[in-house]
């Protein structure tokens, strides 16, 4: 009779996916990515470790020593960028993203009060889940990351009718818009929206996202661009803010999102 006594099952039962996903801890990520400046680092750690109850006093102390915009960009936003990296590495998930975002928002609200005239927005972005699609978790995560990068986000929610989306674009004239679809039956809303926008003379990029959407589909209709993961959206947004057209974003997509 075979015996298991003395057998080493580590080679058999090892979960290769888990080992790959958690290759770095938050502490190790902090050492690699957080600012070396002690003041900014303390602020960033409040976001990274989701300390929304203590981030206020830490930010107020930092404001005694550093410019408020620097506290926002080099502290709070730097912490959120580290959170985004942990999310991309499957170390952090939705709960951590939302708690870190809460900490960041508290800190930004405090620091903004000391910025003359307030913090200048980089632009407005419209986000929505496609008509008929009730899934919006990915959109919500992307919205957090885009806001943390300095953009205003108009979140229209889920199951947004095409006509309502078009009307909002005409009203707001955003830098660009993004749509999320987790169902193959709803992703057809995006080429429909793009066609209507072009008929109205609107040539802004329309980003396609979500589990049902791939790069090939997003590039199959005019205006369409693609974001595979939430952390890629701010990188693409920055290029559009610099003046990139939807065609240029397509052409340089690999270089733009490299590392995310």
C-alpha atoms as a PDB file:
ATOM      1  CA  UNK A   1       0.000   0.000   0.000  1.00  0.00           C
ATOM      2  CA  UNK A   2       1.333   3.438  -0.949  1.00  0.00           C
ATOM      3  CA  UNK A   3       2.063   5.868   1.862  1.00  0.00           C
ATOM      4  CA  UNK A   4       2.061   9.671   1.724  1.00  0.00           C
ATOM      5  CA  UNK A   5       4.351   9.943   4.732  1.00  0.00           C
ATOM      6  CA  UNK A   6       7.334  12.132   3.961  1.00  0.00           C
ATOM      7  CA  UNK A   7       5.958  13.195   0.573  1.00  0.00           C
ATOM      8  CA  UNK A   8       6.522  16.799  -0.557  1.00  0.00           C
ATOM      9  CA  UNK A   9       3.307  18.083  -2.086  1.00  0.00           C
ATOM     10  CA  UNK A  10       4.530  21.631  -2.641  1.00  0.00           C
ATOM     11  CA  UNK A  11       5.403  20.867  -6.261  1.00  0.00           C
ATOM     12  CA  UNK A  12       1.952  19.404  -6.891  1.00  0.00           C
ATOM     13  CA  UNK A  13      -0.359  21.756  -5.017  1.00  0.00           C
ATOM     14  CA  UNK A  14       1.359  25.053  -5.796  1.00  0.00           C
ATOM     15  CA  UNK A  15      -0.958  27.633  -7.349  1.00  0.00           C
ATOM     16  CA  UNK A  16       1.159  29.136 -10.135  1.00  0.00           C
ATOM     17  CA  UNK A  17      -1.357  31.946 -10.773  1.00  0.00           C
ATOM     18  CA  UNK A  18      -1.323  33.095  -7.146  1.00  0.00           C
ATOM     19  CA  UNK A  19       2.454  33.042  -7.035  1.00  0.00           C
ATOM     20  CA  UNK A  20       2.582  35.184 -10.131  1.00  0.00           C
ATOM     21  CA  UNK A  21      -0.082  37.613  -8.962  1.00  0.00           C
ATOM     22  CA  UNK A  22       1.373  38.362  -5.539  1.00  0.00           C
ATOM     23  CA  UNK A  23       5.007  38.649  -6.556  1.00  0.00           C
ATOM     24  CA  UNK A  24       5.185  42.029  -4.787  1.00  0.00           C
ATOM     25  CA  UNK A  25       3.607  43.065  -1.490  1.00  0.00           C
ATOM     26  CA  UNK A  26       2.277  46.606  -0.926  1.00  0.00           C
ATOM     27  CA  UNK A  27       5.341  47.300   1.220  1.00  0.00           C
ATOM     28  CA  UNK A  28       7.696  46.173  -1.542  1.00  0.00           C
ATOM     29  CA  UNK A  29       5.764  48.205  -4.083  1.00  0.00           C
ATOM     30  CA  UNK A  30       6.037  51.238  -1.825  1.00  0.00           C
ATOM     31  CA  UNK A  31       9.818  50.899  -1.716  1.00  0.00           C
ATOM     32  CA  UNK A  32       9.932  50.867  -5.518  1.00  0.00           C
ATOM     33  CA  UNK A  33       7.366  53.526  -6.397  1.00  0.00           C
ATOM     34  CA  UNK A  34       6.645  55.949  -3.553  1.00  0.00           C
ATOM     35  CA  UNK A  35       8.428  59.326  -3.337  1.00  0.00           C
ATOM     36  CA  UNK A  36      11.757  59.484  -1.559  1.00  0.00           C
ATOM     37  CA  UNK A  37      10.856  62.865  -0.056  1.00  0.00           C
ATOM     38  CA  UNK A  38       9.797  62.041   3.502  1.00  0.00           C
ATOM     39  CA  UNK A  39       6.879  64.498   3.578  1.00  0.00           C
ATOM     40  CA  UNK A  40       5.372  63.316   0.306  1.00  0.00           C
ATOM     41  CA  UNK A  41       6.013  59.694   1.200  1.00  0.00           C
ATOM     42  CA  UNK A  42       4.009  59.944   4.408  1.00  0.00           C
ATOM     43  CA  UNK A  43       1.088  61.416   2.469  1.00  0.00           C
ATOM     44  CA  UNK A  44       1.332  58.752  -0.226  1.00  0.00           C
ATOM     45  CA  UNK A  45       1.369  55.989   2.366  1.00  0.00           C
ATOM     46  CA  UNK A  46      -1.941  57.221   3.768  1.00  0.00           C
ATOM     47  CA  UNK A  47      -3.489  56.489   0.367  1.00  0.00           C
ATOM     48  CA  UNK A  48      -1.584  53.282  -0.275  1.00  0.00           C
ATOM     49  CA  UNK A  49      -2.596  51.786   3.067  1.00  0.00           C
ATOM     50  CA  UNK A  50      -6.184  53.138   2.870  1.00  0.00           C
ATOM     51  CA  UNK A  51      -5.948  55.248   6.043  1.00  0.00           C
ATOM     52  CA  UNK A  52      -8.958  57.442   5.360  1.00  0.00           C
ATOM     53  CA  UNK A  53      -9.338  58.142   9.091  1.00  0.00           C
ATOM     54  CA  UNK A  54      -5.856  59.644   9.501  1.00  0.00           C
ATOM     55  CA  UNK A  55      -5.075  61.070   6.066  1.00  0.00           C
ATOM     56  CA  UNK A  56      -6.481  64.480   7.065  1.00  0.00           C
ATOM     57  CA  UNK A  57      -3.959  65.274   9.830  1.00  0.00           C
ATOM     58  CA  UNK A  58      -1.078  63.927   7.744  1.00  0.00           C
ATOM     59  CA  UNK A  59      -2.018  66.146   4.799  1.00  0.00           C
ATOM     60  CA  UNK A  60      -2.453  69.194   7.039  1.00  0.00           C
ATOM     61  CA  UNK A  61       1.004  68.643   8.479  1.00  0.00           C
ATOM     62  CA  UNK A  62       2.457  68.268   4.971  1.00  0.00           C
ATOM     63  CA  UNK A  63       0.827  71.538   3.911  1.00  0.00           C
ATOM     64  CA  UNK A  64       2.895  73.357   6.533  1.00  0.00           C
ATOM     65  CA  UNK A  65       6.038  72.300   4.687  1.00  0.00           C
ATOM     66  CA  UNK A  66       5.099  71.856   1.015  1.00  0.00           C
ATOM     67  CA  UNK A  67       3.062  73.579  -1.709  1.00  0.00           C
ATOM     68  CA  UNK A  68      -0.541  72.297  -1.817  1.00  0.00           C
ATOM     69  CA  UNK A  69      -0.381  71.277  -5.468  1.00  0.00           C
ATOM     70  CA  UNK A  70       2.817  69.379  -4.775  1.00  0.00           C
ATOM     71  CA  UNK A  71       1.130  67.605  -1.859  1.00  0.00           C
ATOM     72  CA  UNK A  72      -1.666  66.582  -4.218  1.00  0.00           C
ATOM     73  CA  UNK A  73       0.484  65.496  -7.137  1.00  0.00           C
ATOM     74  CA  UNK A  74       3.607  64.195  -5.400  1.00  0.00           C
ATOM     75  CA  UNK A  75       1.842  62.736  -2.384  1.00  0.00           C
ATOM     76  CA  UNK A  76      -1.812  61.824  -2.836  1.00  0.00           C
ATOM     77  CA  UNK A  77      -1.724  61.074  -6.557  1.00  0.00           C
ATOM     78  CA  UNK A  78       1.599  59.241  -6.212  1.00  0.00           C
ATOM     79  CA  UNK A  79      -0.012  57.007  -3.605  1.00  0.00           C
ATOM     80  CA  UNK A  80      -2.953  56.294  -5.892  1.00  0.00           C
ATOM     81  CA  UNK A  81      -0.614  55.457  -8.760  1.00  0.00           C
ATOM     82  CA  UNK A  82       0.970  52.833  -6.540  1.00  0.00           C
ATOM     83  CA  UNK A  83      -2.508  51.508  -5.730  1.00  0.00           C
ATOM     84  CA  UNK A  84      -3.221  51.299  -9.471  1.00  0.00           C
ATOM     85  CA  UNK A  85      -0.053  49.258  -9.960  1.00  0.00           C
ATOM     86  CA  UNK A  86      -1.087  46.879  -7.170  1.00  0.00           C
ATOM     87  CA  UNK A  87      -4.492  46.514  -8.804  1.00  0.00           C
ATOM     88  CA  UNK A  88      -2.885  45.725 -12.138  1.00  0.00           C
ATOM     89  CA  UNK A  89      -0.730  43.096 -10.394  1.00  0.00           C
ATOM     90  CA  UNK A  90      -3.839  41.518  -8.776  1.00  0.00           C
ATOM     91  CA  UNK A  91      -2.619  42.311  -5.273  1.00  0.00           C
ATOM     92  CA  UNK A  92      -5.336  44.916  -4.622  1.00  0.00           C
ATOM     93  CA  UNK A  93      -8.952  44.473  -5.700  1.00  0.00           C
ATOM     94  CA  UNK A  94     -12.091  46.626  -5.799  1.00  0.00           C
ATOM     95  CA  UNK A  95     -12.462  47.131  -2.011  1.00  0.00           C
ATOM     96  CA  UNK A  96      -8.871  48.357  -1.700  1.00  0.00           C
ATOM     97  CA  UNK A  97      -9.280  50.627  -4.725  1.00  0.00           C
ATOM     98  CA  UNK A  98     -12.396  52.260  -3.269  1.00  0.00           C
ATOM     99  CA  UNK A  99     -10.921  52.743   0.225  1.00  0.00           C
ATOM    100  CA  UNK A 100      -7.692  54.181  -1.186  1.00  0.00           C
ATOM    101  CA  UNK A 101      -9.733  56.510  -3.395  1.00  0.00           C
ATOM    102  CA  UNK A 102     -11.672  57.670  -0.340  1.00  0.00           C
ATOM    103  CA  UNK A 103      -8.425  58.508   1.439  1.00  0.00           C
ATOM    104  CA  UNK A 104      -7.127  60.349  -1.610  1.00  0.00           C
ATOM    105  CA  UNK A 105     -10.350  62.356  -2.030  1.00  0.00           C
ATOM    106  CA  UNK A 106     -10.276  63.444   1.624  1.00  0.00           C
ATOM    107  CA  UNK A 107      -6.698  64.597   1.223  1.00  0.00           C
ATOM    108  CA  UNK A 108      -7.341  66.420  -2.045  1.00  0.00           C
ATOM    109  CA  UNK A 109     -10.334  68.252  -0.564  1.00  0.00           C
ATOM    110  CA  UNK A 110      -8.108  69.559   2.257  1.00  0.00           C
ATOM    111  CA  UNK A 111      -5.200  70.540   0.014  1.00  0.00           C
ATOM    112  CA  UNK A 112      -7.384  72.184  -2.638  1.00  0.00           C
ATOM    113  CA  UNK A 113      -8.605  74.729  -0.089  1.00  0.00           C
ATOM    114  CA  UNK A 114      -5.094  76.165  -0.008  1.00  0.00           C
ATOM    115  CA  UNK A 115      -4.727  76.406  -3.783  1.00  0.00           C
ATOM    116  CA  UNK A 116      -5.594  79.934  -4.999  1.00  0.00           C
ATOM    117  CA  UNK A 117      -8.559  79.592  -7.328  1.00  0.00           C
ATOM    118  CA  UNK A 118      -8.749  75.848  -6.709  1.00  0.00           C
ATOM    119  CA  UNK A 119      -7.059  72.980  -8.503  1.00  0.00           C
ATOM    120  CA  UNK A 120      -7.190  73.299 -12.278  1.00  0.00           C
ATOM    121  CA  UNK A 121      -8.849  70.395 -14.056  1.00  0.00           C
ATOM    122  CA  UNK A 122      -7.050  68.722 -16.946  1.00  0.00           C
ATOM    123  CA  UNK A 123     -10.350  68.243 -18.769  1.00  0.00           C
ATOM    124  CA  UNK A 124     -13.743  66.578 -18.581  1.00  0.00           C
ATOM    125  CA  UNK A 125     -14.380  62.945 -19.473  1.00  0.00           C
ATOM    126  CA  UNK A 126     -17.743  61.222 -19.818  1.00  0.00           C
ATOM    127  CA  UNK A 127     -18.029  57.600 -18.712  1.00  0.00           C
ATOM    128  CA  UNK A 128     -20.958  55.217 -19.104  1.00  0.00           C
ATOM    129  CA  UNK A 129     -21.929  51.565 -19.350  1.00  0.00           C
ATOM    130  CA  UNK A 130     -23.590  50.656 -22.639  1.00  0.00           C
ATOM    131  CA  UNK A 131     -27.335  50.639 -23.130  1.00  0.00           C
ATOM    132  CA  UNK A 132     -28.720  47.377 -21.763  1.00  0.00           C
ATOM    133  CA  UNK A 133     -25.581  46.585 -19.750  1.00  0.00           C
ATOM    134  CA  UNK A 134     -25.927  46.549 -15.933  1.00  0.00           C
ATOM    135  CA  UNK A 135     -22.216  46.019 -15.215  1.00  0.00           C
ATOM    136  CA  UNK A 136     -20.227  49.011 -14.028  1.00  0.00           C
ATOM    137  CA  UNK A 137     -17.491  47.857 -11.638  1.00  0.00           C
ATOM    138  CA  UNK A 138     -14.718  48.289 -14.209  1.00  0.00           C
ATOM    139  CA  UNK A 139     -16.043  51.725 -15.121  1.00  0.00           C
ATOM    140  CA  UNK A 140     -16.103  52.740 -11.472  1.00  0.00           C
ATOM    141  CA  UNK A 141     -12.489  51.716 -10.966  1.00  0.00           C
ATOM    142  CA  UNK A 142     -11.387  53.578 -14.103  1.00  0.00           C
ATOM    143  CA  UNK A 143     -13.302  56.670 -12.946  1.00  0.00           C
ATOM    144  CA  UNK A 144     -11.394  56.663  -9.648  1.00  0.00           C
ATOM    145  CA  UNK A 145      -8.060  56.469 -11.434  1.00  0.00           C
ATOM    146  CA  UNK A 146      -8.942  59.178 -13.946  1.00  0.00           C
ATOM    147  CA  UNK A 147     -10.157  61.520 -11.208  1.00  0.00           C
ATOM    148  CA  UNK A 148      -6.981  60.934  -9.234  1.00  0.00           C
ATOM    149  CA  UNK A 149      -5.013  62.038 -12.287  1.00  0.00           C
ATOM    150  CA  UNK A 150      -6.700  65.452 -12.259  1.00  0.00           C
ATOM    151  CA  UNK A 151      -9.642  65.067 -14.632  1.00  0.00           C
ATOM    152  CA  UNK A 152     -13.309  65.799 -14.017  1.00  0.00           C
ATOM    153  CA  UNK A 153     -15.447  62.733 -14.642  1.00  0.00           C
ATOM    154  CA  UNK A 154     -19.120  62.774 -15.515  1.00  0.00           C
ATOM    155  CA  UNK A 155     -20.273  59.261 -14.670  1.00  0.00           C
ATOM    156  CA  UNK A 156     -23.585  58.545 -16.374  1.00  0.00           C
ATOM    157  CA  UNK A 157     -23.894  55.160 -14.689  1.00  0.00           C
ATOM    158  CA  UNK A 158     -25.022  51.920 -16.290  1.00  0.00           C
ATOM    159  CA  UNK A 159     -27.540  50.989 -18.982  1.00  0.00           C
ATOM    160  CA  UNK A 160     -27.223  54.435 -20.561  1.00  0.00           C
ATOM    161  CA  UNK A 161     -29.419  54.956 -23.611  1.00  0.00           C
ATOM    162  CA  UNK A 162     -27.556  55.928 -26.770  1.00  0.00           C
ATOM    163  CA  UNK A 163     -29.644  59.081 -27.172  1.00  0.00           C
ATOM    164  CA  UNK A 164     -28.896  60.169 -23.607  1.00  0.00           C
ATOM    165  CA  UNK A 165     -25.172  59.630 -24.104  1.00  0.00           C
ATOM    166  CA  UNK A 166     -25.156  61.641 -27.334  1.00  0.00           C
ATOM    167  CA  UNK A 167     -27.098  64.465 -25.682  1.00  0.00           C
ATOM    168  CA  UNK A 168     -24.606  64.629 -22.809  1.00  0.00           C
ATOM    169  CA  UNK A 169     -21.644  64.751 -25.203  1.00  0.00           C
ATOM    170  CA  UNK A 170     -23.259  67.617 -27.120  1.00  0.00           C
ATOM    171  CA  UNK A 171     -23.931  69.452 -23.877  1.00  0.00           C
ATOM    172  CA  UNK A 172     -20.540  68.964 -22.184  1.00  0.00           C
ATOM    173  CA  UNK A 173     -18.140  68.688 -25.145  1.00  0.00           C
ATOM    174  CA  UNK A 174     -15.720  66.449 -23.220  1.00  0.00           C
ATOM    175  CA  UNK A 175     -12.086  65.720 -23.935  1.00  0.00           C
ATOM    176  CA  UNK A 176     -13.213  62.187 -24.769  1.00  0.00           C
ATOM    177  CA  UNK A 177     -15.766  59.620 -23.636  1.00  0.00           C
ATOM    178  CA  UNK A 178     -15.557  55.997 -22.612  1.00  0.00           C
ATOM    179  CA  UNK A 179     -18.103  53.210 -22.706  1.00  0.00           C
ATOM    180  CA  UNK A 180     -18.041  49.874 -20.882  1.00  0.00           C
ATOM    181  CA  UNK A 181     -19.684  46.634 -22.026  1.00  0.00           C
ATOM    182  CA  UNK A 182     -19.436  43.288 -20.321  1.00  0.00           C
ATOM    183  CA  UNK A 183     -21.960  41.636 -22.632  1.00  0.00           C
ATOM    184  CA  UNK A 184     -21.524  40.929 -26.334  1.00  0.00           C
ATOM    185  CA  UNK A 185     -25.173  41.878 -26.816  1.00  0.00           C
ATOM    186  CA  UNK A 186     -24.548  45.447 -25.629  1.00  0.00           C
ATOM    187  CA  UNK A 187     -21.156  46.368 -27.084  1.00  0.00           C
ATOM    188  CA  UNK A 188     -22.764  47.226 -30.438  1.00  0.00           C
ATOM    189  CA  UNK A 189     -23.863  50.476 -28.788  1.00  0.00           C
ATOM    190  CA  UNK A 190     -20.374  51.903 -29.285  1.00  0.00           C
ATOM    191  CA  UNK A 191     -20.166  51.850 -33.099  1.00  0.00           C
ATOM    192  CA  UNK A 192     -23.721  53.206 -33.121  1.00  0.00           C
ATOM    193  CA  UNK A 193     -22.710  56.070 -30.832  1.00  0.00           C
ATOM    194  CA  UNK A 194     -19.590  56.744 -32.899  1.00  0.00           C
ATOM    195  CA  UNK A 195     -21.583  56.926 -36.125  1.00  0.00           C
ATOM    196  CA  UNK A 196     -24.060  59.400 -34.647  1.00  0.00           C
ATOM    197  CA  UNK A 197     -21.273  61.542 -33.217  1.00  0.00           C
ATOM    198  CA  UNK A 198     -19.575  61.740 -36.597  1.00  0.00           C
ATOM    199  CA  UNK A 199     -22.846  62.628 -38.285  1.00  0.00           C
ATOM    200  CA  UNK A 200     -23.073  65.532 -35.852  1.00  0.00           C
ATOM    201  CA  UNK A 201     -19.525  66.626 -36.666  1.00  0.00           C
ATOM    202  CA  UNK A 202     -18.031  65.456 -33.360  1.00  0.00           C
ATOM    203  CA  UNK A 203     -14.628  63.838 -33.869  1.00  0.00           C
ATOM    204  CA  UNK A 204     -13.585  63.081 -30.277  1.00  0.00           C
ATOM    205  CA  UNK A 205     -12.174  59.670 -29.259  1.00  0.00           C
ATOM    206  CA  UNK A 206     -14.699  57.135 -27.981  1.00  0.00           C
ATOM    207  CA  UNK A 207     -12.969  54.606 -25.755  1.00  0.00           C
ATOM    208  CA  UNK A 208     -14.326  51.053 -25.649  1.00  0.00           C
ATOM    209  CA  UNK A 209     -13.723  49.053 -22.465  1.00  0.00           C
ATOM    210  CA  UNK A 210     -15.009  46.030 -20.582  1.00  0.00           C
ATOM    211  CA  UNK A 211     -14.890  42.268 -20.769  1.00  0.00           C
ATOM    212  CA  UNK A 212     -16.857  42.034 -24.018  1.00  0.00           C
ATOM    213  CA  UNK A 213     -14.625  44.514 -25.846  1.00  0.00           C
ATOM    214  CA  UNK A 214     -11.210  43.846 -27.349  1.00  0.00           C
ATOM    215  CA  UNK A 215      -8.790  46.050 -29.219  1.00  0.00           C
ATOM    216  CA  UNK A 216      -9.776  44.701 -32.616  1.00  0.00           C
ATOM    217  CA  UNK A 217     -13.427  45.576 -32.029  1.00  0.00           C
ATOM    218  CA  UNK A 218     -12.688  49.070 -30.675  1.00  0.00           C
ATOM    219  CA  UNK A 219     -10.520  49.776 -33.717  1.00  0.00           C
ATOM    220  CA  UNK A 220     -13.142  48.518 -36.173  1.00  0.00           C
ATOM    221  CA  UNK A 221     -15.133  51.762 -36.292  1.00  0.00           C
ATOM    222  CA  UNK A 222     -14.130  55.404 -36.621  1.00  0.00           C
ATOM    223  CA  UNK A 223     -13.497  57.292 -33.331  1.00  0.00           C
ATOM    224  CA  UNK A 224     -12.955  54.020 -31.486  1.00  0.00           C
ATOM    225  CA  UNK A 225      -9.965  53.537 -29.188  1.00  0.00           C
ATOM    226  CA  UNK A 226      -9.314  50.860 -26.585  1.00  0.00           C
ATOM    227  CA  UNK A 227      -8.389  50.548 -22.908  1.00  0.00           C
ATOM    228  CA  UNK A 228      -7.791  47.017 -21.693  1.00  0.00           C
ATOM    229  CA  UNK A 229      -7.291  47.837 -18.008  1.00  0.00           C
ATOM    230  CA  UNK A 230      -8.391  50.685 -15.765  1.00  0.00           C
ATOM    231  CA  UNK A 231      -4.809  51.930 -15.088  1.00  0.00           C
ATOM    232  CA  UNK A 232      -4.322  52.444 -18.834  1.00  0.00           C
ATOM    233  CA  UNK A 233      -7.108  55.017 -19.065  1.00  0.00           C
ATOM    234  CA  UNK A 234      -5.216  57.937 -17.444  1.00  0.00           C
ATOM    235  CA  UNK A 235      -2.212  57.233 -19.683  1.00  0.00           C
ATOM    236  CA  UNK A 236      -4.377  57.456 -22.781  1.00  0.00           C
ATOM    237  CA  UNK A 237      -6.207  60.495 -21.396  1.00  0.00           C
ATOM    238  CA  UNK A 238      -2.912  62.342 -21.051  1.00  0.00           C
ATOM    239  CA  UNK A 239      -2.097  61.802 -24.726  1.00  0.00           C
ATOM    240  CA  UNK A 240      -5.530  63.026 -25.778  1.00  0.00           C
ATOM    241  CA  UNK A 241      -5.065  66.092 -23.575  1.00  0.00           C
ATOM    242  CA  UNK A 242      -1.799  66.723 -25.416  1.00  0.00           C
ATOM    243  CA  UNK A 243      -3.720  66.774 -28.691  1.00  0.00           C
ATOM    244  CA  UNK A 244      -3.606  63.195 -29.925  1.00  0.00           C
ATOM    245  CA  UNK A 245      -6.424  62.230 -32.281  1.00  0.00           C
ATOM    246  CA  UNK A 246      -8.150  58.855 -32.038  1.00  0.00           C
ATOM    247  CA  UNK A 247      -6.061  57.712 -34.993  1.00  0.00           C
ATOM    248  CA  UNK A 248      -2.812  58.658 -33.256  1.00  0.00           C
ATOM    249  CA  UNK A 249      -3.877  56.873 -30.058  1.00  0.00           C
ATOM    250  CA  UNK A 250      -4.505  53.724 -32.113  1.00  0.00           C
ATOM    251  CA  UNK A 251      -1.168  53.972 -33.889  1.00  0.00           C
ATOM    252  CA  UNK A 252       0.848  54.478 -30.694  1.00  0.00           C
ATOM    253  CA  UNK A 253      -1.311  52.425 -28.312  1.00  0.00           C
ATOM    254  CA  UNK A 254       1.368  49.879 -27.428  1.00  0.00           C
ATOM    255  CA  UNK A 255       3.863  52.575 -26.532  1.00  0.00           C
ATOM    256  CA  UNK A 256       1.305  54.644 -24.589  1.00  0.00           C
ATOM    257  CA  UNK A 257       0.174  51.829 -22.297  1.00  0.00           C
ATOM    258  CA  UNK A 258       3.547  50.126 -21.966  1.00  0.00           C
ATOM    259  CA  UNK A 259       4.057  49.017 -18.375  1.00  0.00           C
ATOM    260  CA  UNK A 260       0.364  48.864 -17.587  1.00  0.00           C
END
